Full PDB file with SEQRES, HELIX, SHEET, SSBOND, CRYST1, ORIGX, SCALE, CONECT and MASTER records, all heavy atoms in Angstrom:
SEQRES   1 A   36  ALA VAL ASN GLU GLN PHE ALA SER ALA LEU GLU SER LEU          
SEQRES   2 A   36  PRO HIS ARG PRO PRO PHE ARG PHE LEU ASP ARG ILE ASP          
SEQRES   3 A   36  ALA LEU SER ASP GLU SER ALA ARG GLY ALA                      
HELIX    1 AA1 VAL A    2  GLU A   11  1                                  10    
SHEET    1 AA1 2 ILE A  25  LEU A  28  0                                        
SHEET    2 AA1 2 ALA A  33  GLY A  35 -1                                        
CRYST1    1.000    1.000    1.000  90.00  90.00  90.00 P 1           1          
ORIGX1      1.000000  0.000000  0.000000        0.00000                         
ORIGX2      0.000000  1.000000  0.000000        0.00000                         
ORIGX3      0.000000  0.000000  1.000000        0.00000                         
SCALE1      1.000000  0.000000  0.000000        0.00000                         
SCALE2      0.000000  1.000000  0.000000        0.00000                         
SCALE3      0.000000  0.000000  1.000000        0.00000                         
ATOM      1  N   ALA A   1     -14.483  67.868 -33.152  1.00  0.00           N  
ATOM      2  CA  ALA A   1     -13.126  68.405 -33.756  1.00  0.00           C  
ATOM      3  C   ALA A   1     -12.681  69.653 -33.005  1.00  0.00           C  
ATOM      4  O   ALA A   1     -11.592  69.827 -32.777  1.00  0.00           O  
ATOM      5  CB  ALA A   1     -13.445  68.618 -35.279  1.00  0.00           C  
ATOM      6  N   VAL A   2     -13.701  70.530 -32.806  1.00  0.00           N  
ATOM      7  CA  VAL A   2     -13.333  71.755 -32.057  1.00  0.00           C  
ATOM      8  C   VAL A   2     -12.826  71.452 -30.719  1.00  0.00           C  
ATOM      9  O   VAL A   2     -11.875  72.005 -30.157  1.00  0.00           O  
ATOM     10  CB  VAL A   2     -14.523  72.812 -32.040  1.00  0.00           C  
ATOM     11  CG1 VAL A   2     -14.306  73.915 -31.092  1.00  0.00           C  
ATOM     12  CG2 VAL A   2     -14.829  73.230 -33.505  1.00  0.00           C  
ATOM     13  N   ASN A   3     -13.569  70.566 -29.980  1.00  0.00           N  
ATOM     14  CA  ASN A   3     -13.161  70.170 -28.640  1.00  0.00           C  
ATOM     15  C   ASN A   3     -11.550  69.532 -28.678  1.00  0.00           C  
ATOM     16  O   ASN A   3     -10.812  69.860 -27.825  1.00  0.00           O  
ATOM     17  CB  ASN A   3     -14.038  69.090 -28.006  1.00  0.00           C  
ATOM     18  CG  ASN A   3     -15.232  69.735 -27.441  1.00  0.00           C  
ATOM     19  OD1 ASN A   3     -15.226  70.815 -27.224  1.00  0.00           O  
ATOM     20  ND2 ASN A   3     -16.332  68.950 -27.489  1.00  0.00           N  
ATOM     21  N   GLU A   4     -11.340  68.758 -29.838  1.00  0.00           N  
ATOM     22  CA  GLU A   4     -10.015  68.229 -29.883  1.00  0.00           C  
ATOM     23  C   GLU A   4      -8.895  69.352 -30.113  1.00  0.00           C  
ATOM     24  O   GLU A   4      -7.894  69.179 -29.630  1.00  0.00           O  
ATOM     25  CB  GLU A   4      -9.955  67.172 -30.996  1.00  0.00           C  
ATOM     26  CG  GLU A   4     -10.601  66.016 -30.511  1.00  0.00           C  
ATOM     27  CD  GLU A   4     -10.514  64.889 -31.699  1.00  0.00           C  
ATOM     28  OE1 GLU A   4      -9.625  64.921 -32.577  1.00  0.00           O  
ATOM     29  OE2 GLU A   4     -11.467  64.011 -31.671  1.00  0.00           O  
ATOM     30  N   GLN A   5      -9.338  70.312 -31.010  1.00  0.00           N  
ATOM     31  CA  GLN A   5      -8.467  71.480 -31.395  1.00  0.00           C  
ATOM     32  C   GLN A   5      -8.203  72.215 -29.911  1.00  0.00           C  
ATOM     33  O   GLN A   5      -6.924  72.369 -29.785  1.00  0.00           O  
ATOM     34  CB  GLN A   5      -9.147  72.401 -32.247  1.00  0.00           C  
ATOM     35  CG  GLN A   5      -8.320  73.622 -32.508  1.00  0.00           C  
ATOM     36  CD  GLN A   5      -9.045  74.798 -33.318  1.00  0.00           C  
ATOM     37  OE1 GLN A   5     -10.270  74.739 -33.365  1.00  0.00           O  
ATOM     38  NE2 GLN A   5      -8.409  75.718 -33.806  1.00  0.00           N  
ATOM     39  N   PHE A   6      -9.140  72.431 -29.146  1.00  0.00           N  
ATOM     40  CA  PHE A   6      -8.959  73.294 -27.910  1.00  0.00           C  
ATOM     41  C   PHE A   6      -8.101  72.454 -26.952  1.00  0.00           C  
ATOM     42  O   PHE A   6      -7.264  72.920 -26.298  1.00  0.00           O  
ATOM     43  CB  PHE A   6     -10.115  73.661 -27.335  1.00  0.00           C  
ATOM     44  CG  PHE A   6     -10.983  74.598 -28.127  1.00  0.00           C  
ATOM     45  CD1 PHE A   6     -12.393  74.881 -27.766  1.00  0.00           C  
ATOM     46  CD2 PHE A   6     -10.451  75.337 -29.107  1.00  0.00           C  
ATOM     47  CE1 PHE A   6     -13.038  75.889 -28.512  1.00  0.00           C  
ATOM     48  CE2 PHE A   6     -11.044  76.289 -29.745  1.00  0.00           C  
ATOM     49  CZ  PHE A   6     -12.502  76.677 -29.481  1.00  0.00           C  
ATOM     50  N   ALA A   7      -8.403  71.062 -26.878  1.00  0.00           N  
ATOM     51  CA  ALA A   7      -7.477  70.305 -25.984  1.00  0.00           C  
ATOM     52  C   ALA A   7      -6.131  70.239 -26.461  1.00  0.00           C  
ATOM     53  O   ALA A   7      -5.151  70.282 -25.548  1.00  0.00           O  
ATOM     54  CB  ALA A   7      -8.196  68.898 -25.852  1.00  0.00           C  
ATOM     55  N   SER A   8      -5.870  69.962 -27.839  1.00  0.00           N  
ATOM     56  CA  SER A   8      -4.463  70.121 -28.320  1.00  0.00           C  
ATOM     57  C   SER A   8      -3.829  71.508 -28.036  1.00  0.00           C  
ATOM     58  O   SER A   8      -2.683  71.434 -27.684  1.00  0.00           O  
ATOM     59  CB  SER A   8      -4.601  69.902 -29.809  1.00  0.00           C  
ATOM     60  OG  SER A   8      -3.325  69.956 -30.351  1.00  0.00           O  
ATOM     61  N   ALA A   9      -4.579  72.632 -28.109  1.00  0.00           N  
ATOM     62  CA  ALA A   9      -3.922  73.843 -27.812  1.00  0.00           C  
ATOM     63  C   ALA A   9      -3.624  73.926 -26.242  1.00  0.00           C  
ATOM     64  O   ALA A   9      -2.507  74.517 -25.937  1.00  0.00           O  
ATOM     65  CB  ALA A   9      -5.046  75.018 -28.071  1.00  0.00           C  
ATOM     66  N   LEU A  10      -4.354  73.436 -25.437  1.00  0.00           N  
ATOM     67  CA  LEU A  10      -4.015  73.488 -24.026  1.00  0.00           C  
ATOM     68  C   LEU A  10      -2.737  72.589 -23.827  1.00  0.00           C  
ATOM     69  O   LEU A  10      -1.787  72.879 -23.111  1.00  0.00           O  
ATOM     70  CB  LEU A  10      -5.036  72.827 -23.097  1.00  0.00           C  
ATOM     71  CG  LEU A  10      -6.255  73.716 -22.724  1.00  0.00           C  
ATOM     72  CD1 LEU A  10      -7.300  73.089 -21.946  1.00  0.00           C  
ATOM     73  CD2 LEU A  10      -5.665  74.891 -21.836  1.00  0.00           C  
ATOM     74  N   GLU A  11      -2.553  71.453 -24.594  1.00  0.00           N  
ATOM     75  CA  GLU A  11      -1.435  70.672 -24.380  1.00  0.00           C  
ATOM     76  C   GLU A  11      -0.137  71.338 -25.050  1.00  0.00           C  
ATOM     77  O   GLU A  11       0.996  71.002 -24.753  1.00  0.00           O  
ATOM     78  CB  GLU A  11      -1.696  69.428 -25.006  1.00  0.00           C  
ATOM     79  CG  GLU A  11      -2.671  68.422 -24.247  1.00  0.00           C  
ATOM     80  CD  GLU A  11      -2.161  68.226 -22.822  1.00  0.00           C  
ATOM     81  OE1 GLU A  11      -1.074  67.813 -22.494  1.00  0.00           O  
ATOM     82  OE2 GLU A  11      -3.012  68.481 -21.941  1.00  0.00           O  
ATOM     83  N   SER A  12      -0.374  72.352 -25.874  1.00  0.00           N  
ATOM     84  CA  SER A  12       0.841  72.950 -26.490  1.00  0.00           C  
ATOM     85  C   SER A  12       1.571  73.867 -25.430  1.00  0.00           C  
ATOM     86  O   SER A  12       2.642  74.191 -25.537  1.00  0.00           O  
ATOM     87  CB  SER A  12       0.323  73.995 -27.628  1.00  0.00           C  
ATOM     88  OG  SER A  12      -0.288  75.070 -27.137  1.00  0.00           O  
ATOM     89  N   LEU A  13       0.949  74.121 -24.238  1.00  0.00           N  
ATOM     90  CA  LEU A  13       1.562  74.769 -23.156  1.00  0.00           C  
ATOM     91  C   LEU A  13       2.565  73.990 -22.366  1.00  0.00           C  
ATOM     92  O   LEU A  13       2.358  72.774 -22.254  1.00  0.00           O  
ATOM     93  CB  LEU A  13       0.492  75.301 -22.211  1.00  0.00           C  
ATOM     94  CG  LEU A  13      -0.445  76.350 -22.572  1.00  0.00           C  
ATOM     95  CD1 LEU A  13      -1.671  76.489 -21.481  1.00  0.00           C  
ATOM     96  CD2 LEU A  13       0.256  77.805 -22.823  1.00  0.00           C  
ATOM     97  N   PRO A  14       3.603  74.460 -21.965  1.00  0.00           N  
ATOM     98  CA  PRO A  14       4.627  73.894 -21.296  1.00  0.00           C  
ATOM     99  C   PRO A  14       4.128  73.510 -19.743  1.00  0.00           C  
ATOM    100  O   PRO A  14       4.649  72.726 -18.991  1.00  0.00           O  
ATOM    101  CB  PRO A  14       5.889  74.656 -21.200  1.00  0.00           C  
ATOM    102  CG  PRO A  14       5.246  76.064 -21.299  1.00  0.00           C  
ATOM    103  CD  PRO A  14       4.087  75.922 -22.027  1.00  0.00           C  
ATOM    104  N   HIS A  15       3.055  74.256 -19.340  1.00  0.00           N  
ATOM    105  CA  HIS A  15       2.533  74.140 -17.955  1.00  0.00           C  
ATOM    106  C   HIS A  15       1.696  72.882 -17.768  1.00  0.00           C  
ATOM    107  O   HIS A  15       1.030  72.596 -18.702  1.00  0.00           O  
ATOM    108  CB  HIS A  15       1.684  75.386 -17.600  1.00  0.00           C  
ATOM    109  CG  HIS A  15       2.383  76.654 -17.872  1.00  0.00           C  
ATOM    110  ND1 HIS A  15       2.381  77.201 -19.141  1.00  0.00           N  
ATOM    111  CD2 HIS A  15       3.064  77.515 -17.213  1.00  0.00           C  
ATOM    112  CE1 HIS A  15       3.071  78.318 -19.204  1.00  0.00           C  
ATOM    113  NE2 HIS A  15       3.523  78.590 -18.048  1.00  0.00           N  
ATOM    114  N   ARG A  16       1.733  72.291 -16.671  1.00  0.00           N  
ATOM    115  CA  ARG A  16       0.910  71.262 -16.202  1.00  0.00           C  
ATOM    116  C   ARG A  16       0.458  71.478 -14.799  1.00  0.00           C  
ATOM    117  O   ARG A  16       0.938  72.377 -14.093  1.00  0.00           O  
ATOM    118  CB  ARG A  16       1.719  69.979 -16.341  1.00  0.00           C  
ATOM    119  CG  ARG A  16       2.285  69.642 -17.579  1.00  0.00           C  
ATOM    120  CD  ARG A  16       1.195  69.035 -18.511  1.00  0.00           C  
ATOM    121  NE  ARG A  16       1.549  68.851 -19.988  1.00  0.00           N  
ATOM    122  CZ  ARG A  16       1.525  69.790 -20.980  1.00  0.00           C  
ATOM    123  NH1 ARG A  16       1.226  70.970 -20.785  1.00  0.00           N  
ATOM    124  NH2 ARG A  16       1.972  69.354 -22.084  1.00  0.00           N  
ATOM    125  N   PRO A  17      -0.769  70.827 -14.456  1.00  0.00           N  
ATOM    126  CA  PRO A  17      -1.231  71.090 -13.173  1.00  0.00           C  
ATOM    127  C   PRO A  17      -0.095  70.665 -12.219  1.00  0.00           C  
ATOM    128  O   PRO A  17       0.628  69.746 -12.440  1.00  0.00           O  
ATOM    129  CB  PRO A  17      -2.295  70.060 -13.083  1.00  0.00           C  
ATOM    130  CG  PRO A  17      -2.767  69.996 -14.608  1.00  0.00           C  
ATOM    131  CD  PRO A  17      -1.572  70.002 -15.328  1.00  0.00           C  
ATOM    132  N   PRO A  18      -0.050  71.258 -11.124  1.00  0.00           N  
ATOM    133  CA  PRO A  18      -0.837  72.427 -10.471  1.00  0.00           C  
ATOM    134  C   PRO A  18      -0.677  73.747 -11.034  1.00  0.00           C  
ATOM    135  O   PRO A  18      -1.218  74.748 -10.461  1.00  0.00           O  
ATOM    136  CB  PRO A  18      -0.799  72.193  -8.970  1.00  0.00           C  
ATOM    137  CG  PRO A  18       0.695  71.961  -8.920  1.00  0.00           C  
ATOM    138  CD  PRO A  18       1.034  70.920 -10.088  1.00  0.00           C  
ATOM    139  N   PHE A  19       0.318  73.824 -11.983  1.00  0.00           N  
ATOM    140  CA  PHE A  19       0.574  75.365 -12.321  1.00  0.00           C  
ATOM    141  C   PHE A  19      -0.057  75.793 -13.800  1.00  0.00           C  
ATOM    142  O   PHE A  19       0.173  76.779 -14.278  1.00  0.00           O  
ATOM    143  CB  PHE A  19       2.090  75.603 -12.515  1.00  0.00           C  
ATOM    144  CG  PHE A  19       2.513  76.906 -12.408  1.00  0.00           C  
ATOM    145  CD1 PHE A  19       2.402  77.740 -11.215  1.00  0.00           C  
ATOM    146  CD2 PHE A  19       2.849  77.673 -13.521  1.00  0.00           C  
ATOM    147  CE1 PHE A  19       2.805  78.969 -11.127  1.00  0.00           C  
ATOM    148  CE2 PHE A  19       3.059  79.099 -13.399  1.00  0.00           C  
ATOM    149  CZ  PHE A  19       3.061  79.798 -12.242  1.00  0.00           C  
ATOM    150  N   ARG A  20      -0.945  74.943 -14.205  1.00  0.00           N  
ATOM    151  CA  ARG A  20      -1.773  75.293 -15.388  1.00  0.00           C  
ATOM    152  C   ARG A  20      -3.014  75.895 -14.897  1.00  0.00           C  
ATOM    153  O   ARG A  20      -3.731  75.046 -14.269  1.00  0.00           O  
ATOM    154  CB  ARG A  20      -1.835  74.194 -16.467  1.00  0.00           C  
ATOM    155  CG  ARG A  20      -2.709  74.748 -17.666  1.00  0.00           C  
ATOM    156  CD  ARG A  20      -2.617  73.747 -18.828  1.00  0.00           C  
ATOM    157  NE  ARG A  20      -3.246  72.666 -18.508  1.00  0.00           N  
ATOM    158  CZ  ARG A  20      -3.114  71.429 -19.228  1.00  0.00           C  
ATOM    159  NH1 ARG A  20      -2.222  71.484 -20.289  1.00  0.00           N  
ATOM    160  NH2 ARG A  20      -3.737  70.292 -18.768  1.00  0.00           N  
ATOM    161  N   PHE A  21      -3.324  77.053 -15.187  1.00  0.00           N  
ATOM    162  CA  PHE A  21      -4.410  77.757 -14.652  1.00  0.00           C  
ATOM    163  C   PHE A  21      -5.690  77.833 -15.677  1.00  0.00           C  
ATOM    164  O   PHE A  21      -6.608  78.659 -15.265  1.00  0.00           O  
ATOM    165  CB  PHE A  21      -4.045  79.171 -14.104  1.00  0.00           C  
ATOM    166  CG  PHE A  21      -3.052  78.974 -12.973  1.00  0.00           C  
ATOM    167  CD1 PHE A  21      -1.863  79.516 -13.160  1.00  0.00           C  
ATOM    168  CD2 PHE A  21      -3.381  78.265 -11.848  1.00  0.00           C  
ATOM    169  CE1 PHE A  21      -0.808  79.268 -12.153  1.00  0.00           C  
ATOM    170  CE2 PHE A  21      -2.414  78.183 -10.830  1.00  0.00           C  
ATOM    171  CZ  PHE A  21      -1.104  78.667 -10.936  1.00  0.00           C  
ATOM    172  N   LEU A  22      -5.546  77.249 -16.846  1.00  0.00           N  
ATOM    173  CA  LEU A  22      -6.496  77.205 -17.831  1.00  0.00           C  
ATOM    174  C   LEU A  22      -7.218  75.893 -17.624  1.00  0.00           C  
ATOM    175  O   LEU A  22      -6.579  74.830 -17.738  1.00  0.00           O  
ATOM    176  CB  LEU A  22      -5.990  77.286 -19.094  1.00  0.00           C  
ATOM    177  CG  LEU A  22      -5.535  78.682 -19.520  1.00  0.00           C  
ATOM    178  CD1 LEU A  22      -4.943  78.664 -21.061  1.00  0.00           C  
ATOM    179  CD2 LEU A  22      -6.770  79.716 -19.464  1.00  0.00           C  
ATOM    180  N   ASP A  23      -8.601  75.796 -17.569  1.00  0.00           N  
ATOM    181  CA  ASP A  23      -9.184  74.621 -17.513  1.00  0.00           C  
ATOM    182  C   ASP A  23      -9.988  74.274 -18.815  1.00  0.00           C  
ATOM    183  O   ASP A  23     -10.280  73.163 -19.099  1.00  0.00           O  
ATOM    184  CB  ASP A  23     -10.323  74.622 -16.344  1.00  0.00           C  
ATOM    185  CG  ASP A  23      -9.704  74.490 -15.026  1.00  0.00           C  
ATOM    186  OD1 ASP A  23      -9.076  73.556 -14.748  1.00  0.00           O  
ATOM    187  OD2 ASP A  23      -9.944  75.520 -14.201  1.00  0.00           O  
ATOM    188  N   ARG A  24     -10.289  75.343 -19.513  1.00  0.00           N  
ATOM    189  CA  ARG A  24     -10.874  75.222 -20.992  1.00  0.00           C  
ATOM    190  C   ARG A  24     -10.517  76.376 -21.730  1.00  0.00           C  
ATOM    191  O   ARG A  24     -10.272  77.434 -21.383  1.00  0.00           O  
ATOM    192  CB  ARG A  24     -12.370  74.931 -20.738  1.00  0.00           C  
ATOM    193  CG  ARG A  24     -13.163  76.094 -20.306  1.00  0.00           C  
ATOM    194  CD  ARG A  24     -14.695  75.837 -20.365  1.00  0.00           C  
ATOM    195  NE  ARG A  24     -15.306  77.060 -20.249  1.00  0.00           N  
ATOM    196  CZ  ARG A  24     -16.036  77.540 -19.207  1.00  0.00           C  
ATOM    197  NH1 ARG A  24     -16.049  76.913 -18.036  1.00  0.00           N  
ATOM    198  NH2 ARG A  24     -16.570  78.641 -19.260  1.00  0.00           N  
ATOM    199  N   ILE A  25     -10.617  76.132 -23.048  1.00  0.00           N  
ATOM    200  CA  ILE A  25     -10.561  77.126 -24.076  1.00  0.00           C  
ATOM    201  C   ILE A  25     -12.002  77.155 -24.809  1.00  0.00           C  
ATOM    202  O   ILE A  25     -12.409  76.076 -25.180  1.00  0.00           O  
ATOM    203  CB  ILE A  25      -9.405  76.877 -25.198  1.00  0.00           C  
ATOM    204  CG1 ILE A  25      -8.222  76.899 -24.406  1.00  0.00           C  
ATOM    205  CG2 ILE A  25      -9.561  77.955 -26.200  1.00  0.00           C  
ATOM    206  CD1 ILE A  25      -7.083  76.633 -25.268  1.00  0.00           C  
ATOM    207  N   ASP A  26     -12.585  78.324 -24.838  1.00  0.00           N  
ATOM    208  CA  ASP A  26     -13.839  78.407 -25.443  1.00  0.00           C  
ATOM    209  C   ASP A  26     -13.866  79.021 -26.838  1.00  0.00           C  
ATOM    210  O   ASP A  26     -14.849  78.723 -27.649  1.00  0.00           O  
ATOM    211  CB  ASP A  26     -14.789  79.297 -24.557  1.00  0.00           C  
ATOM    212  CG  ASP A  26     -15.036  78.739 -23.180  1.00  0.00           C  
ATOM    213  OD1 ASP A  26     -15.052  77.541 -22.960  1.00  0.00           O  
ATOM    214  OD2 ASP A  26     -14.980  79.711 -22.233  1.00  0.00           O  
ATOM    215  N   ALA A  27     -12.867  79.757 -27.264  1.00  0.00           N  
ATOM    216  CA  ALA A  27     -12.774  80.291 -28.582  1.00  0.00           C  
ATOM    217  C   ALA A  27     -11.247  80.551 -28.774  1.00  0.00           C  
ATOM    218  O   ALA A  27     -10.460  80.868 -27.810  1.00  0.00           O  
ATOM    219  CB  ALA A  27     -13.578  81.629 -28.677  1.00  0.00           C  
ATOM    220  N   LEU A  28     -10.797  80.337 -30.025  1.00  0.00           N  
ATOM    221  CA  LEU A  28      -9.357  80.462 -30.299  1.00  0.00           C  
ATOM    222  C   LEU A  28      -9.202  80.825 -31.868  1.00  0.00           C  
ATOM    223  O   LEU A  28      -9.824  80.199 -32.738  1.00  0.00           O  
ATOM    224  CB  LEU A  28      -8.656  79.124 -30.070  1.00  0.00           C  
ATOM    225  CG  LEU A  28      -7.185  78.963 -30.537  1.00  0.00           C  
ATOM    226  CD1 LEU A  28      -6.421  80.037 -29.559  1.00  0.00           C  
ATOM    227  CD2 LEU A  28      -6.729  77.645 -30.237  1.00  0.00           C  
ATOM    228  N   SER A  29      -8.543  81.976 -31.956  1.00  0.00           N  
ATOM    229  CA  SER A  29      -8.153  82.436 -33.369  1.00  0.00           C  
ATOM    230  C   SER A  29      -6.637  82.841 -33.294  1.00  0.00           C  
ATOM    231  O   SER A  29      -5.970  82.672 -32.402  1.00  0.00           O  
ATOM    232  CB  SER A  29      -8.976  83.694 -33.822  1.00  0.00           C  
ATOM    233  OG  SER A  29      -8.546  84.745 -33.213  1.00  0.00           O  
ATOM    234  N   ASP A  30      -6.421  83.304 -34.611  1.00  0.00           N  
ATOM    235  CA  ASP A  30      -4.849  83.748 -34.650  1.00  0.00           C  
ATOM    236  C   ASP A  30      -4.507  84.997 -33.872  1.00  0.00           C  
ATOM    237  O   ASP A  30      -3.397  85.483 -33.626  1.00  0.00           O  
ATOM    238  CB  ASP A  30      -4.494  83.945 -36.137  1.00  0.00           C  
ATOM    239  CG  ASP A  30      -4.344  82.675 -36.899  1.00  0.00           C  
ATOM    240  OD1 ASP A  30      -4.137  81.586 -36.273  1.00  0.00           O  
ATOM    241  OD2 ASP A  30      -4.495  82.654 -38.189  1.00  0.00           O  
ATOM    242  N   GLU A  31      -5.629  85.715 -33.460  1.00  0.00           N  
ATOM    243  CA  GLU A  31      -5.451  86.999 -32.829  1.00  0.00           C  
ATOM    244  C   GLU A  31      -5.931  87.108 -31.466  1.00  0.00           C  
ATOM    245  O   GLU A  31      -5.732  88.123 -30.686  1.00  0.00           O  
ATOM    246  CB  GLU A  31      -6.131  88.148 -33.652  1.00  0.00           C  
ATOM    247  CG  GLU A  31      -5.558  88.218 -35.099  1.00  0.00           C  
ATOM    248  CD  GLU A  31      -4.078  88.595 -35.108  1.00  0.00           C  
ATOM    249  OE1 GLU A  31      -3.589  89.370 -34.260  1.00  0.00           O  
ATOM    250  OE2 GLU A  31      -3.349  88.043 -35.868  1.00  0.00           O  
ATOM    251  N   SER A  32      -6.883  86.058 -30.993  1.00  0.00           N  
ATOM    252  CA  SER A  32      -7.469  86.197 -29.706  1.00  0.00           C  
ATOM    253  C   SER A  32      -7.901  84.892 -29.243  1.00  0.00           C  
ATOM    254  O   SER A  32      -7.827  83.826 -30.020  1.00  0.00           O  
ATOM    255  CB  SER A  32      -8.647  87.109 -29.773  1.00  0.00           C  
ATOM    256  OG  SER A  32      -9.632  86.557 -30.659  1.00  0.00           O  
ATOM    257  N   ALA A  33      -8.367  84.849 -27.959  1.00  0.00           N  
ATOM    258  CA  ALA A  33      -8.753  83.562 -27.309  1.00  0.00           C  
ATOM    259  C   ALA A  33      -9.684  83.927 -26.072  1.00  0.00           C  
ATOM    260  O   ALA A  33      -9.472  85.027 -25.494  1.00  0.00           O  
ATOM    261  CB  ALA A  33      -7.626  82.605 -27.009  1.00  0.00           C  
ATOM    262  N   ARG A  34     -10.450  83.029 -25.903  1.00  0.00           N  
ATOM    263  CA  ARG A  34     -11.372  83.062 -24.559  1.00  0.00           C  
ATOM    264  C   ARG A  34     -11.243  81.670 -23.951  1.00  0.00           C  
ATOM    265  O   ARG A  34     -11.215  80.609 -24.555  1.00  0.00           O  
ATOM    266  CB  ARG A  34     -12.798  83.328 -24.903  1.00  0.00           C  
ATOM    267  CG  ARG A  34     -13.171  84.684 -25.369  1.00  0.00           C  
ATOM    268  CD  ARG A  34     -14.639  85.038 -25.280  1.00  0.00           C  
ATOM    269  NE  ARG A  34     -15.512  83.944 -25.779  1.00  0.00           N  
ATOM    270  CZ  ARG A  34     -15.816  83.885 -27.194  1.00  0.00           C  
ATOM    271  NH1 ARG A  34     -15.446  84.705 -28.029  1.00  0.00           N  
ATOM    272  NH2 ARG A  34     -16.542  82.844 -27.416  1.00  0.00           N  
ATOM    273  N   GLY A  35     -11.182  81.712 -22.545  1.00  0.00           N  
ATOM    274  CA  GLY A  35     -10.999  80.523 -21.823  1.00  0.00           C  
ATOM    275  C   GLY A  35     -11.487  80.704 -20.496  1.00  0.00           C  
ATOM    276  O   GLY A  35     -11.971  81.861 -20.059  1.00  0.00           O  
ATOM    277  N   ALA A  36     -11.250  79.817 -19.695  1.00  0.00           N  
ATOM    278  CA  ALA A  36     -11.746  79.828 -18.177  1.00  0.00           C  
ATOM    279  C   ALA A  36     -10.803  79.102 -17.288  1.00  0.00           C  
ATOM    280  O   ALA A  36     -10.142  78.111 -17.645  1.00  0.00           O  
ATOM    281  CB  ALA A  36     -13.204  79.426 -18.029  1.00  0.00           C  
TER     282      ALA A  36                                                      
MASTER        0    0    0    1    2    0    0    6  281    1    0    3          
END                                                                             
């Protein structure tokens, strides 16, 4: 479920490869996020 939430969050961006520079989201809250 967390993996699906993070994947959905990435898809909320208007960016797509090759201009999306996020490969993953590791943590996500209303105030912060970590990714790579």
